[in-house]
Protein backbone atom coordinates (compact mmCIF):
# COMPACT_ATOMS: atom_id res chain seq x y z
CA MET A 1 7.25 -17.38 -0.27
CA ALA A 2 4.32 -18.87 2.60
CA ALA A 3 7.97 -19.99 4.57
CA ALA A 4 9.22 -16.09 3.56
CA ALA A 5 6.09 -14.58 4.90
CA GLY A 6 5.70 -16.71 8.33
CA VAL A 7 2.59 -17.96 7.08
CA SER A 8 0.71 -20.91 5.37
CA VAL A 9 0.83 -21.19 1.38
CA THR A 10 -3.38 -21.28 2.25
CA THR A 11 -2.79 -17.93 3.87
CA VAL A 12 -0.86 -16.99 0.92
CA SER A 13 -3.03 -18.13 -2.19
CA HIS A 14 -5.80 -16.18 -0.52
CA ILE A 15 -4.90 -13.24 0.33
CA LEU A 16 -2.93 -12.99 -3.43
CA ASN A 17 -5.95 -14.59 -5.31
CA GLU A 18 -8.79 -12.01 -3.09
CA VAL A 19 -10.83 -14.71 -2.02
CA GLU A 20 -14.48 -13.94 -0.29
CA GLY A 21 -14.82 -14.82 2.77
CA LYS A 22 -11.45 -15.62 3.91
CA ARG A 23 -10.76 -13.51 6.92
CA VAL A 24 -6.49 -12.48 7.54
CA ASN A 25 -5.93 -10.09 9.65
CA THR A 26 -4.31 -6.55 8.51
CA GLU A 27 -0.75 -7.60 9.28
CA THR A 28 -0.10 -10.89 7.81
CA ARG A 29 -2.69 -9.18 4.68
CA GLN A 30 0.89 -6.34 4.15
CA ARG A 31 3.17 -9.13 5.26
CA VAL A 32 2.42 -11.29 2.38
CA LEU A 33 1.64 -8.39 0.08
CA GLN A 34 5.59 -7.04 1.08
CA THR A 35 6.82 -10.03 0.57
CA ALA A 36 4.91 -10.78 -3.01
CA ARG A 37 6.52 -7.60 -4.18
CA GLN A 38 10.24 -8.70 -2.28
CA LEU A 39 10.52 -11.53 -4.27
CA GLY A 40 9.01 -10.61 -7.77
CA TYR A 41 6.29 -12.24 -8.34
CA ALA A 42 4.24 -11.71 -10.64
CA PRO A 43 0.83 -14.01 -11.33
CA ASN A 44 1.16 -16.44 -14.38
CA GLY A 45 -1.99 -15.56 -16.29
CA LEU A 46 -1.28 -19.26 -18.25
CA ALA A 47 -1.71 -20.78 -15.61
CA ARG A 48 -4.21 -18.78 -13.82
CA GLY A 49 -5.96 -20.06 -17.04
CA ARG A 50 -5.45 -23.69 -17.07
CA ARG A 51 -6.77 -24.09 -13.25
CA LEU A 52 -9.60 -22.22 -14.22
CA LYS A 53 -10.27 -23.83 -17.48
CA ARG A 54 -10.74 -20.47 -20.03
CA SER A 55 -8.69 -17.90 -20.71
CA SER A 56 -10.38 -14.27 -21.41
CA THR A 57 -8.51 -14.61 -24.76
CA ILE A 58 -10.82 -14.50 -28.10
CA GLY A 59 -9.41 -15.37 -31.98
CA PHE A 60 -10.42 -14.38 -35.24
CA VAL A 61 -10.14 -15.71 -38.27
CA SER A 62 -10.19 -13.62 -42.06
CA ASP A 63 -9.99 -15.13 -45.61
CA GLN A 64 -8.39 -11.54 -46.21
CA ILE A 65 -4.61 -10.70 -45.90
CA ALA A 66 -3.40 -7.21 -45.01
CA PRO A 67 0.22 -6.50 -46.09
CA SER A 68 1.17 -4.98 -42.97
CA ALA A 69 -0.70 -5.70 -39.78
CA ARG A 70 -1.59 -1.46 -40.12
CA ALA A 71 -3.00 -1.53 -43.45
CA GLY A 72 -6.58 -0.52 -43.80
CA SER A 73 -6.09 1.60 -40.88
CA SER A 74 -6.76 4.69 -40.79
């Protein structure tokens, strides 16, 4: 993506991750975001969670079994 946008990998990372305190020219930012759209970029939540060592996922454990996913709901 960096090569397609004509910028460094670091610049792409700063723009896509919205890193605070990094000044990026508005034209460059728009070019990188447009390139990301054209290439079908979608962030990988699993990879991000591994890098940050958190997933924002919770688990639920119960000793009761429901016969269907909607059991007990009205």
